[in-house]
ModelCIF file with pLDDT and N, C-alpha, C, O atoms, coordinates in Angstrom:
data_MODEL
#
_entry.id   MODEL 
#
_entity.id                         1 
_entity.type                       polymer 
_entity.pdbx_number_of_molecules   1 
#
_entity_poly.entity_id                      1 
_entity_poly.type                           'polypeptide(L)' 
_entity_poly.nstd_linkage                   no 
_entity_poly.nstd_monomer                   no 
_entity_poly.pdbx_seq_one_letter_code       
;(UNK)(UNK)(UNK)(UNK)(UNK)(UNK)(UNK)(UNK)(UNK)(UNK)(UNK)(UNK)(UNK)(UNK)(UNK)(UNK)
(UNK)(UNK)(UNK)(UNK)(UNK)(UNK)(UNK)(UNK)(UNK)(UNK)(UNK)(UNK)(UNK)(UNK)(UNK)(UNK)
(UNK)(UNK)(UNK)(UNK)(UNK)(UNK)(UNK)(UNK)(UNK)(UNK)
;
_entity_poly.pdbx_seq_one_letter_code_can   XXXXXXXXXXXXXXXXXXXXXXXXXXXXXXXXXXXXXXXXXX 
_entity_poly.pdbx_strand_id                 A 
#
loop_
_entity_poly_seq.entity_id 
_entity_poly_seq.num 
_entity_poly_seq.mon_id 
_entity_poly_seq.hetero 
1 1  UNK n 
1 2  UNK n 
1 3  UNK n 
1 4  UNK n 
1 5  UNK n 
1 6  UNK n 
1 7  UNK n 
1 8  UNK n 
1 9  UNK n 
1 10 UNK n 
1 11 UNK n 
1 12 UNK n 
1 13 UNK n 
1 14 UNK n 
1 15 UNK n 
1 16 UNK n 
1 17 UNK n 
1 18 UNK n 
1 19 UNK n 
1 20 UNK n 
1 21 UNK n 
1 22 UNK n 
1 23 UNK n 
1 24 UNK n 
1 25 UNK n 
1 26 UNK n 
1 27 UNK n 
1 28 UNK n 
1 29 UNK n 
1 30 UNK n 
1 31 UNK n 
1 32 UNK n 
1 33 UNK n 
1 34 UNK n 
1 35 UNK n 
1 36 UNK n 
1 37 UNK n 
1 38 UNK n 
1 39 UNK n 
1 40 UNK n 
1 41 UNK n 
1 42 UNK n 
#
_struct_asym.id          A 
_struct_asym.entity_id   1 
#
loop_
_ma_qa_metric.id 
_ma_qa_metric.mode 
_ma_qa_metric.name 
_ma_qa_metric.software_group_id 
_ma_qa_metric.type 
1 global pLDDT . pLDDT 
2 local  pLDDT . pLDDT 
#
_ma_qa_metric_global.metric_id      1 
_ma_qa_metric_global.metric_value   92.10 
_ma_qa_metric_global.model_id       1 
_ma_qa_metric_global.ordinal_id     1 
#
loop_
_ma_qa_metric_local.label_asym_id 
_ma_qa_metric_local.label_comp_id 
_ma_qa_metric_local.label_seq_id 
_ma_qa_metric_local.metric_id 
_ma_qa_metric_local.metric_value 
_ma_qa_metric_local.model_id 
_ma_qa_metric_local.ordinal_id 
A UNK 1  2 94.00 1 1  
A UNK 2  2 93.00 1 2  
A UNK 3  2 93.00 1 3  
A UNK 4  2 92.00 1 4  
A UNK 5  2 92.00 1 5  
A UNK 6  2 92.00 1 6  
A UNK 7  2 91.00 1 7  
A UNK 8  2 90.00 1 8  
A UNK 9  2 89.00 1 9  
A UNK 10 2 90.00 1 10 
A UNK 11 2 88.00 1 11 
A UNK 12 2 90.00 1 12 
A UNK 13 2 91.00 1 13 
A UNK 14 2 91.00 1 14 
A UNK 15 2 90.00 1 15 
A UNK 16 2 90.00 1 16 
A UNK 17 2 89.00 1 17 
A UNK 18 2 92.00 1 18 
A UNK 19 2 92.00 1 19 
A UNK 20 2 93.00 1 20 
A UNK 21 2 94.00 1 21 
A UNK 22 2 94.00 1 22 
A UNK 23 2 93.00 1 23 
A UNK 24 2 94.00 1 24 
A UNK 25 2 94.00 1 25 
A UNK 26 2 94.00 1 26 
A UNK 27 2 94.00 1 27 
A UNK 28 2 93.00 1 28 
A UNK 29 2 93.00 1 29 
A UNK 30 2 92.00 1 30 
A UNK 31 2 90.00 1 31 
A UNK 32 2 90.00 1 32 
A UNK 33 2 90.00 1 33 
A UNK 34 2 92.00 1 34 
A UNK 35 2 94.00 1 35 
A UNK 36 2 94.00 1 36 
A UNK 37 2 94.00 1 37 
A UNK 38 2 94.00 1 38 
A UNK 39 2 94.00 1 39 
A UNK 40 2 94.00 1 40 
A UNK 41 2 92.00 1 41 
A UNK 42 2 93.00 1 42 
#
loop_
_atom_site.group_PDB 
_atom_site.id 
_atom_site.type_symbol 
_atom_site.label_atom_id 
_atom_site.label_alt_id 
_atom_site.label_comp_id 
_atom_site.label_asym_id 
_atom_site.label_entity_id 
_atom_site.label_seq_id 
_atom_site.pdbx_PDB_ins_code 
_atom_site.Cartn_x 
_atom_site.Cartn_y 
_atom_site.Cartn_z 
_atom_site.occupancy 
_atom_site.B_iso_or_equiv 
_atom_site.pdbx_formal_charge 
_atom_site.auth_seq_id 
_atom_site.auth_comp_id 
_atom_site.auth_asym_id 
_atom_site.auth_atom_id 
_atom_site.pdbx_PDB_model_num 
ATOM 1   N N  . UNK A 1 1  ? 100.609 75.973 102.032 1.00 94.00 ? 1  UNK A N  1 
ATOM 2   C CA . UNK A 1 1  ? 101.297 75.893 103.317 1.00 94.00 ? 1  UNK A CA 1 
ATOM 3   C C  . UNK A 1 1  ? 100.259 75.483 104.354 1.00 94.00 ? 1  UNK A C  1 
ATOM 4   O O  . UNK A 1 1  ? 99.208  76.113 104.468 1.00 94.00 ? 1  UNK A O  1 
ATOM 5   N N  . UNK A 1 2  ? 100.557 74.418 105.117 1.00 93.00 ? 2  UNK A N  1 
ATOM 6   C CA . UNK A 1 2  ? 99.600  73.894 106.093 1.00 93.00 ? 2  UNK A CA 1 
ATOM 7   C C  . UNK A 1 2  ? 100.229 73.890 107.478 1.00 93.00 ? 2  UNK A C  1 
ATOM 8   O O  . UNK A 1 2  ? 101.397 73.535 107.641 1.00 93.00 ? 2  UNK A O  1 
ATOM 9   N N  . UNK A 1 3  ? 99.450  74.285 108.464 1.00 93.00 ? 3  UNK A N  1 
ATOM 10  C CA . UNK A 1 3  ? 99.863  74.179 109.863 1.00 93.00 ? 3  UNK A CA 1 
ATOM 11  C C  . UNK A 1 3  ? 99.069  73.034 110.489 1.00 93.00 ? 3  UNK A C  1 
ATOM 12  O O  . UNK A 1 3  ? 97.839  73.057 110.511 1.00 93.00 ? 3  UNK A O  1 
ATOM 13  N N  . UNK A 1 4  ? 99.797  72.025 111.001 1.00 92.00 ? 4  UNK A N  1 
ATOM 14  C CA . UNK A 1 4  ? 99.178  70.816 111.524 1.00 92.00 ? 4  UNK A CA 1 
ATOM 15  C C  . UNK A 1 4  ? 99.184  70.798 113.053 1.00 92.00 ? 4  UNK A C  1 
ATOM 16  O O  . UNK A 1 4  ? 100.116 71.294 113.686 1.00 92.00 ? 4  UNK A O  1 
ATOM 17  N N  . UNK A 1 5  ? 98.143  70.225 113.629 1.00 92.00 ? 5  UNK A N  1 
ATOM 18  C CA . UNK A 1 5  ? 98.105  69.951 115.057 1.00 92.00 ? 5  UNK A CA 1 
ATOM 19  C C  . UNK A 1 5  ? 98.599  68.518 115.270 1.00 92.00 ? 5  UNK A C  1 
ATOM 20  O O  . UNK A 1 5  ? 98.015  67.576 114.734 1.00 92.00 ? 5  UNK A O  1 
ATOM 21  N N  . UNK A 1 6  ? 99.662  68.352 116.043 1.00 92.00 ? 6  UNK A N  1 
ATOM 22  C CA . UNK A 1 6  ? 100.285 67.032 116.202 1.00 92.00 ? 6  UNK A CA 1 
ATOM 23  C C  . UNK A 1 6  ? 99.349  66.053 116.905 1.00 92.00 ? 6  UNK A C  1 
ATOM 24  O O  . UNK A 1 6  ? 99.319  64.873 116.555 1.00 92.00 ? 6  UNK A O  1 
ATOM 25  N N  . UNK A 1 7  ? 98.600  66.514 117.872 1.00 91.00 ? 7  UNK A N  1 
ATOM 26  C CA . UNK A 1 7  ? 97.762  65.617 118.677 1.00 91.00 ? 7  UNK A CA 1 
ATOM 27  C C  . UNK A 1 7  ? 96.600  65.069 117.859 1.00 91.00 ? 7  UNK A C  1 
ATOM 28  O O  . UNK A 1 7  ? 96.352  63.863 117.861 1.00 91.00 ? 7  UNK A O  1 
ATOM 29  N N  . UNK A 1 8  ? 95.894  65.941 117.164 1.00 90.00 ? 8  UNK A N  1 
ATOM 30  C CA . UNK A 1 8  ? 94.690  65.528 116.437 1.00 90.00 ? 8  UNK A CA 1 
ATOM 31  C C  . UNK A 1 8  ? 94.970  65.064 115.016 1.00 90.00 ? 8  UNK A C  1 
ATOM 32  O O  . UNK A 1 8  ? 94.097  64.478 114.375 1.00 90.00 ? 8  UNK A O  1 
ATOM 33  N N  . UNK A 1 9  ? 96.187  65.320 114.510 1.00 89.00 ? 9  UNK A N  1 
ATOM 34  C CA . UNK A 1 9  ? 96.582  64.981 113.141 1.00 89.00 ? 9  UNK A CA 1 
ATOM 35  C C  . UNK A 1 9  ? 95.754  65.748 112.107 1.00 89.00 ? 9  UNK A C  1 
ATOM 36  O O  . UNK A 1 9  ? 95.677  65.329 110.952 1.00 89.00 ? 9  UNK A O  1 
ATOM 37  N N  . UNK A 1 10 ? 95.146  66.841 112.494 1.00 90.00 ? 10 UNK A N  1 
ATOM 38  C CA . UNK A 1 10 ? 94.347  67.652 111.592 1.00 90.00 ? 10 UNK A CA 1 
ATOM 39  C C  . UNK A 1 10 ? 95.051  68.985 111.333 1.00 90.00 ? 10 UNK A C  1 
ATOM 40  O O  . UNK A 1 10 ? 95.816  69.475 112.164 1.00 90.00 ? 10 UNK A O  1 
ATOM 41  N N  . UNK A 1 11 ? 94.770  69.560 110.150 1.00 88.00 ? 11 UNK A N  1 
ATOM 42  C CA . UNK A 1 11 ? 95.387  70.853 109.878 1.00 88.00 ? 11 UNK A CA 1 
ATOM 43  C C  . UNK A 1 11 ? 94.583  71.975 110.528 1.00 88.00 ? 11 UNK A C  1 
ATOM 44  O O  . UNK A 1 11 ? 93.353  72.000 110.482 1.00 88.00 ? 11 UNK A O  1 
ATOM 45  N N  . UNK A 1 12 ? 95.320  72.894 111.131 1.00 90.00 ? 12 UNK A N  1 
ATOM 46  C CA . UNK A 1 12 ? 94.704  74.041 111.792 1.00 90.00 ? 12 UNK A CA 1 
ATOM 47  C C  . UNK A 1 12 ? 94.280  75.071 110.770 1.00 90.00 ? 12 UNK A C  1 
ATOM 48  O O  . UNK A 1 12 ? 93.188  75.634 110.846 1.00 90.00 ? 12 UNK A O  1 
ATOM 49  N N  . UNK A 1 13 ? 95.152  75.307 109.820 1.00 91.00 ? 13 UNK A N  1 
ATOM 50  C CA . UNK A 1 13 ? 94.864  76.278 108.769 1.00 91.00 ? 13 UNK A CA 1 
ATOM 51  C C  . UNK A 1 13 ? 95.658  75.895 107.523 1.00 91.00 ? 13 UNK A C  1 
ATOM 52  O O  . UNK A 1 13 ? 96.748  75.329 107.613 1.00 91.00 ? 13 UNK A O  1 
ATOM 53  N N  . UNK A 1 14 ? 95.096  76.213 106.367 1.00 91.00 ? 14 UNK A N  1 
ATOM 54  C CA . UNK A 1 14 ? 95.758  75.927 105.098 1.00 91.00 ? 14 UNK A CA 1 
ATOM 55  C C  . UNK A 1 14 ? 95.744  77.182 104.245 1.00 91.00 ? 14 UNK A C  1 
ATOM 56  O O  . UNK A 1 14 ? 94.693  77.768 103.984 1.00 91.00 ? 14 UNK A O  1 
ATOM 57  N N  . UNK A 1 15 ? 96.948  77.588 103.812 1.00 90.00 ? 15 UNK A N  1 
ATOM 58  C CA . UNK A 1 15 ? 97.081  78.768 102.965 1.00 90.00 ? 15 UNK A CA 1 
ATOM 59  C C  . UNK A 1 15 ? 97.493  78.327 101.559 1.00 90.00 ? 15 UNK A C  1 
ATOM 60  O O  . UNK A 1 15 ? 98.346  77.457 101.384 1.00 90.00 ? 15 UNK A O  1 
ATOM 61  N N  . UNK A 1 16 ? 96.871  78.944 100.579 1.00 90.00 ? 16 UNK A N  1 
ATOM 62  C CA . UNK A 1 16 ? 97.223  78.645 99.187  1.00 90.00 ? 16 UNK A CA 1 
ATOM 63  C C  . UNK A 1 16 ? 97.307  79.974 98.437  1.00 90.00 ? 16 UNK A C  1 
ATOM 64  O O  . UNK A 1 16 ? 96.440  80.316 97.633  1.00 90.00 ? 16 UNK A O  1 
ATOM 65  N N  . UNK A 1 17 ? 98.378  80.709 98.728  1.00 89.00 ? 17 UNK A N  1 
ATOM 66  C CA . UNK A 1 17 ? 98.520  82.073 98.226  1.00 89.00 ? 17 UNK A CA 1 
ATOM 67  C C  . UNK A 1 17 ? 99.560  82.208 97.120  1.00 89.00 ? 17 UNK A C  1 
ATOM 68  O O  . UNK A 1 17 ? 99.650  83.263 96.492  1.00 89.00 ? 17 UNK A O  1 
ATOM 69  N N  . UNK A 1 18 ? 100.339 81.176 96.870  1.00 92.00 ? 18 UNK A N  1 
ATOM 70  C CA . UNK A 1 18 ? 101.412 81.269 95.876  1.00 92.00 ? 18 UNK A CA 1 
ATOM 71  C C  . UNK A 1 18 ? 100.929 80.826 94.489  1.00 92.00 ? 18 UNK A C  1 
ATOM 72  O O  . UNK A 1 18 ? 99.916  80.141 94.350  1.00 92.00 ? 18 UNK A O  1 
ATOM 73  N N  . UNK A 1 19 ? 101.678 81.237 93.488  1.00 92.00 ? 19 UNK A N  1 
ATOM 74  C CA . UNK A 1 19 ? 101.377 80.871 92.101  1.00 92.00 ? 19 UNK A CA 1 
ATOM 75  C C  . UNK A 1 19 ? 102.338 79.827 91.556  1.00 92.00 ? 19 UNK A C  1 
ATOM 76  O O  . UNK A 1 19 ? 102.257 79.464 90.383  1.00 92.00 ? 19 UNK A O  1 
ATOM 77  N N  . UNK A 1 20 ? 103.245 79.342 92.392  1.00 93.00 ? 20 UNK A N  1 
ATOM 78  C CA . UNK A 1 20 ? 104.222 78.347 91.951  1.00 93.00 ? 20 UNK A CA 1 
ATOM 79  C C  . UNK A 1 20 ? 104.619 77.492 93.150  1.00 93.00 ? 20 UNK A C  1 
ATOM 80  O O  . UNK A 1 20 ? 104.116 77.682 94.258  1.00 93.00 ? 20 UNK A O  1 
ATOM 81  N N  . UNK A 1 21 ? 105.541 76.534 92.908  1.00 94.00 ? 21 UNK A N  1 
ATOM 82  C CA . UNK A 1 21 ? 105.981 75.636 93.972  1.00 94.00 ? 21 UNK A CA 1 
ATOM 83  C C  . UNK A 1 21 ? 106.459 76.409 95.192  1.00 94.00 ? 21 UNK A C  1 
ATOM 84  O O  . UNK A 1 21 ? 107.031 77.492 95.065  1.00 94.00 ? 21 UNK A O  1 
ATOM 85  N N  . UNK A 1 22 ? 106.220 75.841 96.388  1.00 94.00 ? 22 UNK A N  1 
ATOM 86  C CA . UNK A 1 22 ? 106.780 76.386 97.624  1.00 94.00 ? 22 UNK A CA 1 
ATOM 87  C C  . UNK A 1 22 ? 107.895 75.450 98.067  1.00 94.00 ? 22 UNK A C  1 
ATOM 88  O O  . UNK A 1 22 ? 107.634 74.329 98.505  1.00 94.00 ? 22 UNK A O  1 
ATOM 89  N N  . UNK A 1 23 ? 109.132 75.910 97.954  1.00 93.00 ? 23 UNK A N  1 
ATOM 90  C CA . UNK A 1 23 ? 110.296 75.101 98.314  1.00 93.00 ? 23 UNK A CA 1 
ATOM 91  C C  . UNK A 1 23 ? 111.014 75.628 99.560  1.00 93.00 ? 23 UNK A C  1 
ATOM 92  O O  . UNK A 1 23 ? 112.000 75.035 99.995  1.00 93.00 ? 23 UNK A O  1 
ATOM 93  N N  . UNK A 1 24 ? 110.536 76.726 100.135 1.00 94.00 ? 24 UNK A N  1 
ATOM 94  C CA . UNK A 1 24 ? 111.205 77.304 101.304 1.00 94.00 ? 24 UNK A CA 1 
ATOM 95  C C  . UNK A 1 24 ? 110.163 77.792 102.293 1.00 94.00 ? 24 UNK A C  1 
ATOM 96  O O  . UNK A 1 24 ? 109.050 78.160 101.920 1.00 94.00 ? 24 UNK A O  1 
ATOM 97  N N  . UNK A 1 25 ? 110.540 77.787 103.538 1.00 94.00 ? 25 UNK A N  1 
ATOM 98  C CA . UNK A 1 25 ? 109.655 78.286 104.577 1.00 94.00 ? 25 UNK A CA 1 
ATOM 99  C C  . UNK A 1 25 ? 110.366 78.311 105.916 1.00 94.00 ? 25 UNK A C  1 
ATOM 100 O O  . UNK A 1 25 ? 111.470 77.783 106.050 1.00 94.00 ? 25 UNK A O  1 
ATOM 101 N N  . UNK A 1 26 ? 109.732 78.929 106.912 1.00 94.00 ? 26 UNK A N  1 
ATOM 102 C CA . UNK A 1 26 ? 110.286 78.958 108.259 1.00 94.00 ? 26 UNK A CA 1 
ATOM 103 C C  . UNK A 1 26 ? 109.190 79.370 109.229 1.00 94.00 ? 26 UNK A C  1 
ATOM 104 O O  . UNK A 1 26 ? 108.129 79.847 108.824 1.00 94.00 ? 26 UNK A O  1 
ATOM 105 N N  . UNK A 1 27 ? 109.460 79.179 110.509 1.00 94.00 ? 27 UNK A N  1 
ATOM 106 C CA . UNK A 1 27 ? 108.525 79.588 111.563 1.00 94.00 ? 27 UNK A CA 1 
ATOM 107 C C  . UNK A 1 27 ? 109.249 80.529 112.505 1.00 94.00 ? 27 UNK A C  1 
ATOM 108 O O  . UNK A 1 27 ? 110.471 80.469 112.638 1.00 94.00 ? 27 UNK A O  1 
ATOM 109 N N  . UNK A 1 28 ? 108.494 81.395 113.155 1.00 93.00 ? 28 UNK A N  1 
ATOM 110 C CA . UNK A 1 28 ? 109.091 82.355 114.080 1.00 93.00 ? 28 UNK A CA 1 
ATOM 111 C C  . UNK A 1 28 ? 109.657 81.632 115.298 1.00 93.00 ? 28 UNK A C  1 
ATOM 112 O O  . UNK A 1 28 ? 109.005 80.734 115.831 1.00 93.00 ? 28 UNK A O  1 
ATOM 113 N N  . UNK A 1 29 ? 110.857 82.001 115.751 1.00 93.00 ? 29 UNK A N  1 
ATOM 114 C CA . UNK A 1 29 ? 111.432 81.365 116.945 1.00 93.00 ? 29 UNK A CA 1 
ATOM 115 C C  . UNK A 1 29 ? 110.833 81.860 118.249 1.00 93.00 ? 29 UNK A C  1 
ATOM 116 O O  . UNK A 1 29 ? 111.131 81.308 119.308 1.00 93.00 ? 29 UNK A O  1 
ATOM 117 N N  . UNK A 1 30 ? 109.981 82.904 118.196 1.00 92.00 ? 30 UNK A N  1 
ATOM 118 C CA . UNK A 1 30 ? 109.423 83.477 119.428 1.00 92.00 ? 30 UNK A CA 1 
ATOM 119 C C  . UNK A 1 30 ? 107.896 83.501 119.429 1.00 92.00 ? 30 UNK A C  1 
ATOM 120 O O  . UNK A 1 30 ? 107.283 83.640 120.487 1.00 92.00 ? 30 UNK A O  1 
ATOM 121 N N  . UNK A 1 31 ? 107.281 83.369 118.265 1.00 90.00 ? 31 UNK A N  1 
ATOM 122 C CA . UNK A 1 31 ? 105.817 83.440 118.165 1.00 90.00 ? 31 UNK A CA 1 
ATOM 123 C C  . UNK A 1 31 ? 105.301 82.225 117.402 1.00 90.00 ? 31 UNK A C  1 
ATOM 124 O O  . UNK A 1 31 ? 105.573 82.110 116.207 1.00 90.00 ? 31 UNK A O  1 
ATOM 125 N N  . UNK A 1 32 ? 104.561 81.305 118.046 1.00 90.00 ? 32 UNK A N  1 
ATOM 126 C CA . UNK A 1 32 ? 104.095 80.101 117.366 1.00 90.00 ? 32 UNK A CA 1 
ATOM 127 C C  . UNK A 1 32 ? 103.017 80.363 116.318 1.00 90.00 ? 32 UNK A C  1 
ATOM 128 O O  . UNK A 1 32 ? 102.629 79.449 115.590 1.00 90.00 ? 32 UNK A O  1 
ATOM 129 N N  . UNK A 1 33 ? 102.535 81.589 116.234 1.00 90.00 ? 33 UNK A N  1 
ATOM 130 C CA . UNK A 1 33 ? 101.464 81.916 115.287 1.00 90.00 ? 33 UNK A CA 1 
ATOM 131 C C  . UNK A 1 33 ? 101.975 82.458 113.961 1.00 90.00 ? 33 UNK A C  1 
ATOM 132 O O  . UNK A 1 33 ? 101.195 82.615 113.023 1.00 90.00 ? 33 UNK A O  1 
ATOM 133 N N  . UNK A 1 34 ? 103.274 82.748 113.863 1.00 92.00 ? 34 UNK A N  1 
ATOM 134 C CA . UNK A 1 34 ? 103.831 83.377 112.660 1.00 92.00 ? 34 UNK A CA 1 
ATOM 135 C C  . UNK A 1 34 ? 104.554 82.335 111.818 1.00 92.00 ? 34 UNK A C  1 
ATOM 136 O O  . UNK A 1 34 ? 105.451 81.641 112.297 1.00 92.00 ? 34 UNK A O  1 
ATOM 137 N N  . UNK A 1 35 ? 104.148 82.238 110.550 1.00 94.00 ? 35 UNK A N  1 
ATOM 138 C CA . UNK A 1 35 ? 104.742 81.301 109.597 1.00 94.00 ? 35 UNK A CA 1 
ATOM 139 C C  . UNK A 1 35 ? 105.061 82.066 108.321 1.00 94.00 ? 35 UNK A C  1 
ATOM 140 O O  . UNK A 1 35 ? 104.306 82.947 107.910 1.00 94.00 ? 35 UNK A O  1 
ATOM 141 N N  . UNK A 1 36 ? 106.195 81.720 107.693 1.00 94.00 ? 36 UNK A N  1 
ATOM 142 C CA . UNK A 1 36 ? 106.611 82.379 106.452 1.00 94.00 ? 36 UNK A CA 1 
ATOM 143 C C  . UNK A 1 36 ? 106.847 81.316 105.387 1.00 94.00 ? 36 UNK A C  1 
ATOM 144 O O  . UNK A 1 36 ? 107.430 80.269 105.668 1.00 94.00 ? 36 UNK A O  1 
ATOM 145 N N  . UNK A 1 37 ? 106.394 81.583 104.163 1.00 94.00 ? 37 UNK A N  1 
ATOM 146 C CA . UNK A 1 37 ? 106.635 80.676 103.039 1.00 94.00 ? 37 UNK A CA 1 
ATOM 147 C C  . UNK A 1 37 ? 107.282 81.441 101.896 1.00 94.00 ? 37 UNK A C  1 
ATOM 148 O O  . UNK A 1 37 ? 106.991 82.618 101.679 1.00 94.00 ? 37 UNK A O  1 
ATOM 149 N N  . UNK A 1 38 ? 108.169 80.759 101.163 1.00 94.00 ? 38 UNK A N  1 
ATOM 150 C CA . UNK A 1 38 ? 108.827 81.354 100.002 1.00 94.00 ? 38 UNK A CA 1 
ATOM 151 C C  . UNK A 1 38 ? 108.623 80.474 98.791  1.00 94.00 ? 38 UNK A C  1 
ATOM 152 O O  . UNK A 1 38 ? 108.892 79.274 98.848  1.00 94.00 ? 38 UNK A O  1 
ATOM 153 N N  . UNK A 1 39 ? 108.154 81.042 97.701  1.00 94.00 ? 39 UNK A N  1 
ATOM 154 C CA . UNK A 1 39 ? 107.814 80.245 96.524  1.00 94.00 ? 39 UNK A CA 1 
ATOM 155 C C  . UNK A 1 39 ? 108.697 80.514 95.335  1.00 94.00 ? 39 UNK A C  1 
ATOM 156 O O  . UNK A 1 39 ? 109.489 81.456 95.319  1.00 94.00 ? 39 UNK A O  1 
ATOM 157 N N  . UNK A 1 40 ? 108.541 79.654 94.325  1.00 94.00 ? 40 UNK A N  1 
ATOM 158 C CA . UNK A 1 40 ? 109.273 79.844 93.082  1.00 94.00 ? 40 UNK A CA 1 
ATOM 159 C C  . UNK A 1 40 ? 108.687 80.984 92.247  1.00 94.00 ? 40 UNK A C  1 
ATOM 160 O O  . UNK A 1 40 ? 109.223 81.311 91.188  1.00 94.00 ? 40 UNK A O  1 
ATOM 161 N N  . UNK A 1 41 ? 107.607 81.582 92.707  1.00 92.00 ? 41 UNK A N  1 
ATOM 162 C CA . UNK A 1 41 ? 107.081 82.788 92.060  1.00 92.00 ? 41 UNK A CA 1 
ATOM 163 C C  . UNK A 1 41 ? 107.788 84.046 92.552  1.00 92.00 ? 41 UNK A C  1 
ATOM 164 O O  . UNK A 1 41 ? 107.449 85.158 92.146  1.00 92.00 ? 41 UNK A O  1 
ATOM 165 N N  . UNK A 1 42 ? 108.774 83.863 93.430  1.00 93.00 ? 42 UNK A N  1 
ATOM 166 C CA . UNK A 1 42 ? 109.544 84.991 93.948  1.00 93.00 ? 42 UNK A CA 1 
ATOM 167 C C  . UNK A 1 42 ? 108.887 85.704 95.104  1.00 93.00 ? 42 UNK A C  1 
ATOM 168 O O  . UNK A 1 42 ? 109.439 86.672 95.626  1.00 93.00 ? 42 UNK A O  1 
#
């Protein structure tokens, strides 16, 4: 899961915590710092 900066085209942070494909995710509607990912590892 990568968080990108639109202006610089660079990734701010990259997480690689899952053991399988990541097909789902979402971002918080009130906090720009919170990101959630859901993987095929359950």
